[in-house]
Amino acid sequence: CAYIYLGMDTKQIANLLNVEPKSVRMTKYRLKKKFG
């Protein structure tokens, strides 16, 4: 949430956390569900 609020895109978050962009997109999708 903090990284998204700071305006980081999917590639920046993936690079920072050393994960695949696909994992970041899935996490974003899961967060949308958690916030309804």
All heavy atoms as atom14 arrays in JSON, in Angstrom:
{
  "sequence": "CAYIYLGMDTKQIANLLNVEPKSVRMTKYRLKKKFG",
  "atom14_mask": [
    [1, 1, 1, 1, 1, 1, 0, 0, 0, 0, 0, 0, 0, 0],
    [1, 1, 1, 1, 1, 0, 0, 0, 0, 0, 0, 0, 0, 0],
    [1, 1, 1, 1, 1, 1, 1, 1, 1, 1, 1, 1, 0, 0],
    [1, 1, 1, 1, 1, 1, 1, 1, 0, 0, 0, 0, 0, 0],
    [1, 1, 1, 1, 1, 1, 1, 1, 1, 1, 1, 1, 0, 0],
    [1, 1, 1, 1, 1, 1, 1, 1, 0, 0, 0, 0, 0, 0],
    [1, 1, 1, 1, 0, 0, 0, 0, 0, 0, 0, 0, 0, 0],
    [1, 1, 1, 1, 1, 1, 1, 1, 0, 0, 0, 0, 0, 0],
    [1, 1, 1, 1, 1, 1, 1, 1, 0, 0, 0, 0, 0, 0],
    [1, 1, 1, 1, 1, 1, 1, 0, 0, 0, 0, 0, 0, 0],
    [1, 1, 1, 1, 1, 1, 1, 1, 1, 0, 0, 0, 0, 0],
    [1, 1, 1, 1, 1, 1, 1, 1, 1, 0, 0, 0, 0, 0],
    [1, 1, 1, 1, 1, 1, 1, 1, 0, 0, 0, 0, 0, 0],
    [1, 1, 1, 1, 1, 0, 0, 0, 0, 0, 0, 0, 0, 0],
    [1, 1, 1, 1, 1, 1, 1, 1, 0, 0, 0, 0, 0, 0],
    [1, 1, 1, 1, 1, 1, 1, 1, 0, 0, 0, 0, 0, 0],
    [1, 1, 1, 1, 1, 1, 1, 1, 0, 0, 0, 0, 0, 0],
    [1, 1, 1, 1, 1, 1, 1, 1, 0, 0, 0, 0, 0, 0],
    [1, 1, 1, 1, 1, 1, 1, 0, 0, 0, 0, 0, 0, 0],
    [1, 1, 1, 1, 1, 1, 1, 1, 1, 0, 0, 0, 0, 0],
    [1, 1, 1, 1, 1, 1, 1, 0, 0, 0, 0, 0, 0, 0],
    [1, 1, 1, 1, 1, 1, 1, 1, 1, 0, 0, 0, 0, 0],
    [1, 1, 1, 1, 1, 1, 0, 0, 0, 0, 0, 0, 0, 0],
    [1, 1, 1, 1, 1, 1, 1, 0, 0, 0, 0, 0, 0, 0],
    [1, 1, 1, 1, 1, 1, 1, 1, 1, 1, 1, 0, 0, 0],
    [1, 1, 1, 1, 1, 1, 1, 1, 0, 0, 0, 0, 0, 0],
    [1, 1, 1, 1, 1, 1, 1, 0, 0, 0, 0, 0, 0, 0],
    [1, 1, 1, 1, 1, 1, 1, 1, 1, 0, 0, 0, 0, 0],
    [1, 1, 1, 1, 1, 1, 1, 1, 1, 1, 1, 1, 0, 0],
    [1, 1, 1, 1, 1, 1, 1, 1, 1, 1, 1, 0, 0, 0],
    [1, 1, 1, 1, 1, 1, 1, 1, 0, 0, 0, 0, 0, 0],
    [1, 1, 1, 1, 1, 1, 1, 1, 1, 0, 0, 0, 0, 0],
    [1, 1, 1, 1, 1, 1, 1, 1, 1, 0, 0, 0, 0, 0],
    [1, 1, 1, 1, 1, 1, 1, 1, 1, 0, 0, 0, 0, 0],
    [1, 1, 1, 1, 1, 1, 1, 1, 1, 1, 1, 0, 0, 0],
    [1, 1, 1, 1, 0, 0, 0, 0, 0, 0, 0, 0, 0, 0]
  ],
  "atom14_positions": [
    [[0.84, -1.2, 0.0], [0.0, 0.0, 0.0], [0.88, 1.26, 0.0], [0.59, 2.23, -0.71], [-0.92, 0.01, 1.22], [-2.2, -1.27, 1.17], [0.0, 0.0, 0.0], [0.0, 0.0, 0.0], [0.0, 0.0, 0.0], [0.0, 0.0, 0.0], [0.0, 0.0, 0.0], [0.0, 0.0, 0.0], [0.0, 0.0, 0.0], [0.0, 0.0, 0.0]],
    [[1.94, 1.22, 0.81], [2.83, 2.39, 0.88], [3.51, 2.64, -0.46], [3.58, 3.76, -0.94], [3.87, 2.19, 1.98], [0.0, 0.0, 0.0], [0.0, 0.0, 0.0], [0.0, 0.0, 0.0], [0.0, 0.0, 0.0], [0.0, 0.0, 0.0], [0.0, 0.0, 0.0], [0.0, 0.0, 0.0], [0.0, 0.0, 0.0], [0.0, 0.0, 0.0]],
    [[4.02, 1.55, -1.11], [4.7, 1.72, -2.39], [3.74, 2.23, -3.46], [4.08, 3.09, -4.27], [5.29, 0.39, -2.86], [6.49, -0.07, -2.03], [6.82, -1.41, -1.9], [7.28, 0.87, -1.36], [7.9, -1.83, -1.15], [8.37, 0.46, -0.61], [8.68, -0.87, -0.5], [9.75, -1.27, 0.23], [0.0, 0.0, 0.0], [0.0, 0.0, 0.0]],
    [[2.5, 1.69, -3.48], [1.51, 2.13, -4.47], [1.14, 3.58, -4.23], [1.01, 4.37, -5.15], [0.27, 1.22, -4.44], [0.65, -0.21, -4.87], [-0.84, 1.77, -5.33], [-0.42, -1.23, -4.64], [0.0, 0.0, 0.0], [0.0, 0.0, 0.0], [0.0, 0.0, 0.0], [0.0, 0.0, 0.0], [0.0, 0.0, 0.0], [0.0, 0.0, 0.0]],
    [[0.97, 3.94, -2.93], [0.62, 5.33, -2.6], [1.72, 6.28, -3.07], [1.47, 7.4, -3.51], [0.43, 5.45, -1.1], [0.35, 6.89, -0.63], [-0.74, 7.67, -0.96], [1.4, 7.47, 0.09], [-0.82, 8.99, -0.56], [1.33, 8.79, 0.49], [0.23, 9.56, 0.18], [0.18, 10.88, 0.56], [0.0, 0.0, 0.0], [0.0, 0.0, 0.0]],
    [[2.99, 5.81, -3.02], [4.11, 6.66, -3.45], [4.19, 6.77, -4.97], [5.03, 7.5, -5.49], [5.43, 6.08, -2.93], [5.6, 6.17, -1.4], [6.82, 5.41, -0.97], [5.69, 7.62, -0.96], [0.0, 0.0, 0.0], [0.0, 0.0, 0.0], [0.0, 0.0, 0.0], [0.0, 0.0, 0.0], [0.0, 0.0, 0.0], [0.0, 0.0, 0.0]],
    [[3.33, 6.07, -5.7], [3.3, 6.23, -7.15], [4.22, 5.26, -7.89], [4.49, 5.45, -9.06], [0.0, 0.0, 0.0], [0.0, 0.0, 0.0], [0.0, 0.0, 0.0], [0.0, 0.0, 0.0], [0.0, 0.0, 0.0], [0.0, 0.0, 0.0], [0.0, 0.0, 0.0], [0.0, 0.0, 0.0], [0.0, 0.0, 0.0], [0.0, 0.0, 0.0]],
    [[4.73, 4.24, -7.22], [5.62, 3.29, -7.9], [4.78, 2.38, -8.81], [3.7, 1.94, -8.43], [6.38, 2.44, -6.88], [7.37, 3.24, -6.04], [8.33, 2.15, -4.98], [9.33, 3.34, -4.1], [0.0, 0.0, 0.0], [0.0, 0.0, 0.0], [0.0, 0.0, 0.0], [0.0, 0.0, 0.0], [0.0, 0.0, 0.0], [0.0, 0.0, 0.0]],
    [[5.29, 2.08, -10.02], [4.57, 1.2, -10.92], [4.96, -0.25, -10.64], [5.77, -0.55, -9.75], [4.83, 1.57, -12.38], [6.31, 1.49, -12.74], [7.07, 0.72, -12.09], [6.72, 2.17, -13.68], [0.0, 0.0, 0.0], [0.0, 0.0, 0.0], [0.0, 0.0, 0.0], [0.0, 0.0, 0.0], [0.0, 0.0, 0.0], [0.0, 0.0, 0.0]],
    [[4.34, -1.13, -11.41], [4.52, -2.57, -11.16], [5.98, -3.0, -11.26], [6.49, -3.74, -10.41], [3.68, -3.36, -12.18], [2.31, -3.02, -12.0], [3.85, -4.85, -12.0], [0.0, 0.0, 0.0], [0.0, 0.0, 0.0], [0.0, 0.0, 0.0], [0.0, 0.0, 0.0], [0.0, 0.0, 0.0], [0.0, 0.0, 0.0], [0.0, 0.0, 0.0]],
    [[6.72, -2.51, -12.26], [8.12, -2.93, -12.44], [8.98, -2.42, -11.28], [9.88, -3.12, -10.8], [8.65, -2.39, -13.76], [8.09, -3.12, -14.97], [8.75, -2.61, -16.25], [8.23, -3.36, -17.47], [8.85, -2.88, -18.71], [0.0, 0.0, 0.0], [0.0, 0.0, 0.0], [0.0, 0.0, 0.0], [0.0, 0.0, 0.0], [0.0, 0.0, 0.0]],
    [[8.75, -1.18, -10.83], [9.56, -0.63, -9.73], [9.36, -1.46, -8.45], [10.31, -1.77, -7.73], [9.17, 0.82, -9.49], [9.64, 1.77, -10.58], [9.12, 3.18, -10.38], [7.97, 3.37, -10.04], [9.97, 4.16, -10.57], [0.0, 0.0, 0.0], [0.0, 0.0, 0.0], [0.0, 0.0, 0.0], [0.0, 0.0, 0.0], [0.0, 0.0, 0.0]],
    [[8.09, -1.82, -8.14], [7.81, -2.6, -6.93], [8.45, -3.99, -7.05], [9.05, -4.5, -6.11], [6.29, -2.7, -6.69], [5.71, -1.31, -6.43], [5.98, -3.62, -5.52], [4.2, -1.28, -6.32], [0.0, 0.0, 0.0], [0.0, 0.0, 0.0], [0.0, 0.0, 0.0], [0.0, 0.0, 0.0], [0.0, 0.0, 0.0], [0.0, 0.0, 0.0]],
    [[8.32, -4.59, -8.26], [8.9, -5.92, -8.47], [10.41, -5.89, -8.27], [10.98, -6.77, -7.63], [8.55, -6.42, -9.86], [0.0, 0.0, 0.0], [0.0, 0.0, 0.0], [0.0, 0.0, 0.0], [0.0, 0.0, 0.0], [0.0, 0.0, 0.0], [0.0, 0.0, 0.0], [0.0, 0.0, 0.0], [0.0, 0.0, 0.0], [0.0, 0.0, 0.0]],
    [[11.09, -4.9, -8.82], [12.54, -4.78, -8.68], [12.94, -4.55, -7.22], [13.92, -5.1, -6.73], [13.08, -3.64, -9.54], [13.02, -3.97, -11.02], [13.06, -5.15, -11.38], [12.9, -2.97, -11.87], [0.0, 0.0, 0.0], [0.0, 0.0, 0.0], [0.0, 0.0, 0.0], [0.0, 0.0, 0.0], [0.0, 0.0, 0.0], [0.0, 0.0, 0.0]],
    [[12.17, -3.72, -6.53], [12.5, -3.38, -5.15], [12.36, -4.59, -4.22], [13.16, -4.79, -3.31], [11.6, -2.23, -4.67], [11.96, -1.6, -3.34], [13.37, -1.04, -3.34], [10.97, -0.51, -2.97], [0.0, 0.0, 0.0], [0.0, 0.0, 0.0], [0.0, 0.0, 0.0], [0.0, 0.0, 0.0], [0.0, 0.0, 0.0], [0.0, 0.0, 0.0]],
    [[11.32, -5.4, -4.48], [11.05, -6.55, -3.61], [11.64, -7.85, -4.15], [11.46, -8.91, -3.56], [9.55, -6.71, -3.42], [8.83, -5.53, -2.73], [7.34, -5.81, -2.63], [9.41, -5.26, -1.35], [0.0, 0.0, 0.0], [0.0, 0.0, 0.0], [0.0, 0.0, 0.0], [0.0, 0.0, 0.0], [0.0, 0.0, 0.0], [0.0, 0.0, 0.0]],
    [[12.35, -7.74, -5.35], [12.95, -8.93, -5.96], [11.91, -10.02, -6.24], [12.09, -11.2, -5.92], [14.08, -9.49, -5.09], [15.31, -8.61, -5.15], [15.59, -8.01, -6.19], [16.03, -8.49, -4.06], [0.0, 0.0, 0.0], [0.0, 0.0, 0.0], [0.0, 0.0, 0.0], [0.0, 0.0, 0.0], [0.0, 0.0, 0.0], [0.0, 0.0, 0.0]],
    [[10.76, -9.62, -6.78], [9.72, -10.57, -7.16], [9.37, -10.34, -8.62], [9.76, -9.36, -9.22], [8.47, -10.42, -6.28], [8.8, -10.72, -4.82], [7.88, -9.02, -6.4], [0.0, 0.0, 0.0], [0.0, 0.0, 0.0], [0.0, 0.0, 0.0], [0.0, 0.0, 0.0], [0.0, 0.0, 0.0], [0.0, 0.0, 0.0], [0.0, 0.0, 0.0]],
    [[8.6, -11.24, -9.18], [8.17, -11.11, -10.56], [7.06, -10.06, -10.67], [6.26, -9.91, -9.73], [7.64, -12.45, -11.08], [8.69, -13.54, -11.16], [9.69, -13.25, -12.26], [9.33, -12.52, -13.2], [10.82, -13.73, -12.16], [0.0, 0.0, 0.0], [0.0, 0.0, 0.0], [0.0, 0.0, 0.0], [0.0, 0.0, 0.0], [0.0, 0.0, 0.0]],
    [[6.99, -9.31, -11.79], [5.89, -8.36, -11.99], [4.54, -9.04, -11.89], [3.58, -8.45, -11.41], [6.16, -7.83, -13.4], [7.63, -7.97, -13.58], [8.0, -9.21, -12.85], [0.0, 0.0, 0.0], [0.0, 0.0, 0.0], [0.0, 0.0, 0.0], [0.0, 0.0, 0.0], [0.0, 0.0, 0.0], [0.0, 0.0, 0.0], [0.0, 0.0, 0.0]],
    [[4.48, -10.29, -12.31], [3.21, -11.0, -12.22], [2.75, -11.11, -10.77], [1.58, -10.96, -10.46], [3.37, -12.38, -12.85], [2.11, -13.24, -12.79], [2.33, -14.57, -13.49], [1.06, -15.44, -13.41], [1.25, -16.73, -14.06], [0.0, 0.0, 0.0], [0.0, 0.0, 0.0], [0.0, 0.0, 0.0], [0.0, 0.0, 0.0], [0.0, 0.0, 0.0]],
    [[3.7, -11.38, -9.86], [3.37, -11.46, -8.43], [2.83, -10.14, -7.91], [1.89, -10.08, -7.13], [4.62, -11.88, -7.64], [4.35, -11.87, -6.26], [0.0, 0.0, 0.0], [0.0, 0.0, 0.0], [0.0, 0.0, 0.0], [0.0, 0.0, 0.0], [0.0, 0.0, 0.0], [0.0, 0.0, 0.0], [0.0, 0.0, 0.0], [0.0, 0.0, 0.0]],
    [[3.43, -9.03, -8.39], [2.96, -7.7, -7.95], [1.54, -7.47, -8.43], [0.69, -6.97, -7.69], [3.89, -6.6, -8.48], [3.35, -5.23, -8.12], [5.29, -6.78, -7.9], [0.0, 0.0, 0.0], [0.0, 0.0, 0.0], [0.0, 0.0, 0.0], [0.0, 0.0, 0.0], [0.0, 0.0, 0.0], [0.0, 0.0, 0.0], [0.0, 0.0, 0.0]],
    [[1.27, -7.83, -9.72], [-0.08, -7.62, -10.23], [-1.1, -8.46, -9.47], [-2.22, -8.0, -9.21], [-0.12, -7.96, -11.72], [0.59, -6.93, -12.61], [0.26, -7.13, -14.08], [0.9, -8.33, -14.61], [2.09, -8.34, -15.17], [2.77, -7.23, -15.32], [2.62, -9.47, -15.62], [0.0, 0.0, 0.0], [0.0, 0.0, 0.0], [0.0, 0.0, 0.0]],
    [[-0.74, -9.7, -9.11], [-1.65, -10.53, -8.34], [-1.91, -9.93, -6.96], [-3.03, -9.96, -6.44], [-1.07, -11.95, -8.21], [-1.06, -12.72, -9.52], [-2.71, -12.9, -10.25], [-3.53, -13.87, -8.98], [0.0, 0.0, 0.0], [0.0, 0.0, 0.0], [0.0, 0.0, 0.0], [0.0, 0.0, 0.0], [0.0, 0.0, 0.0], [0.0, 0.0, 0.0]],
    [[-0.85, -9.38, -6.36], [-1.01, -8.73, -5.04], [-1.93, -7.53, -5.16], [-2.8, -7.29, -4.3], [0.35, -8.31, -4.49], [1.19, -9.46, -4.39], [0.19, -7.7, -3.1], [0.0, 0.0, 0.0], [0.0, 0.0, 0.0], [0.0, 0.0, 0.0], [0.0, 0.0, 0.0], [0.0, 0.0, 0.0], [0.0, 0.0, 0.0], [0.0, 0.0, 0.0]],
    [[-1.78, -6.74, -6.23], [-2.68, -5.6, -6.43], [-4.12, -6.06, -6.56], [-5.04, -5.45, -6.02], [-2.26, -4.82, -7.69], [-1.0, -4.0, -7.52], [-0.72, -3.2, -8.79], [0.48, -2.3, -8.64], [0.73, -1.52, -9.86], [0.0, 0.0, 0.0], [0.0, 0.0, 0.0], [0.0, 0.0, 0.0], [0.0, 0.0, 0.0], [0.0, 0.0, 0.0]],
    [[-4.3, -7.16, -7.31], [-5.65, -7.69, -7.49], [-6.22, -8.13, -6.14], [-7.37, -7.87, -5.81], [-5.59, -8.86, -8.47], [-6.91, -9.56, -8.69], [-7.88, -8.99, -9.53], [-7.2, -10.77, -8.06], [-9.1, -9.62, -9.73], [-8.42, -11.4, -8.26], [-9.37, -10.83, -9.09], [-10.57, -11.44, -9.28], [0.0, 0.0, 0.0], [0.0, 0.0, 0.0]],
    [[-5.37, -8.79, -5.32], [-5.82, -9.25, -3.99], [-6.15, -8.07, -3.08], [-7.13, -8.09, -2.34], [-4.7, -10.1, -3.38], [-5.04, -10.64, -1.99], [-4.01, -11.68, -1.56], [-2.66, -11.22, -1.69], [-2.08, -10.38, -0.84], [-2.72, -9.93, 0.22], [-0.82, -10.0, -1.04], [0.0, 0.0, 0.0], [0.0, 0.0, 0.0], [0.0, 0.0, 0.0]],
    [[-5.36, -6.99, -3.17], [-5.64, -5.8, -2.35], [-6.96, -5.16, -2.74], [-7.7, -4.68, -1.88], [-4.5, -4.79, -2.51], [-3.2, -5.13, -1.77], [-2.11, -4.14, -2.15], [-3.41, -5.11, -0.25], [0.0, 0.0, 0.0], [0.0, 0.0, 0.0], [0.0, 0.0, 0.0], [0.0, 0.0, 0.0], [0.0, 0.0, 0.0], [0.0, 0.0, 0.0]],
    [[-7.26, -5.14, -4.06], [-8.55, -4.59, -4.48], [-9.7, -5.38, -3.85], [-10.71, -4.8, -3.44], [-8.66, -4.62, -6.01], [-7.83, -3.55, -6.72], [-8.13, -3.53, -8.2], [-7.36, -2.41, -8.9], [-7.68, -2.35, -10.34], [0.0, 0.0, 0.0], [0.0, 0.0, 0.0], [0.0, 0.0, 0.0], [0.0, 0.0, 0.0], [0.0, 0.0, 0.0]],
    [[-9.55, -6.7, -3.79], [-10.58, -7.52, -3.17], [-10.7, -7.19, -1.68], [-11.8, -7.12, -1.13], [-10.24, -9.0, -3.35], [-10.3, -9.47, -4.81], [-11.7, -9.36, -5.36], [-11.77, -9.92, -6.78], [-13.13, -9.75, -7.35], [0.0, 0.0, 0.0], [0.0, 0.0, 0.0], [0.0, 0.0, 0.0], [0.0, 0.0, 0.0], [0.0, 0.0, 0.0]],
    [[-9.56, -7.0, -1.01], [-9.59, -6.7, 0.43], [-10.24, -5.36, 0.71], [-10.82, -5.16, 1.78], [-8.17, -6.74, 1.01], [-7.6, -8.15, 1.13], [-6.34, -8.18, 2.0], [-5.87, -9.61, 2.23], [-4.73, -9.68, 3.16], [0.0, 0.0, 0.0], [0.0, 0.0, 0.0], [0.0, 0.0, 0.0], [0.0, 0.0, 0.0], [0.0, 0.0, 0.0]],
    [[-10.13, -4.45, -0.22], [-10.75, -3.13, -0.02], [-12.13, -3.05, -0.66], [-12.81, -2.02, -0.57], [-9.86, -2.02, -0.61], [-8.64, -1.72, 0.22], [-7.39, -2.12, -0.21], [-8.75, -1.05, 1.42], [-6.27, -1.84, 0.54], [-7.64, -0.77, 2.17], [-6.38, -1.18, 1.74], [0.0, 0.0, 0.0], [0.0, 0.0, 0.0], [0.0, 0.0, 0.0]],
    [[-12.56, -4.14, -1.33], [-13.88, -4.14, -1.93], [-13.99, -3.2, -3.12], [-15.02, -2.57, -3.32], [0.0, 0.0, 0.0], [0.0, 0.0, 0.0], [0.0, 0.0, 0.0], [0.0, 0.0, 0.0], [0.0, 0.0, 0.0], [0.0, 0.0, 0.0], [0.0, 0.0, 0.0], [0.0, 0.0, 0.0], [0.0, 0.0, 0.0], [0.0, 0.0, 0.0]]
  ]
}
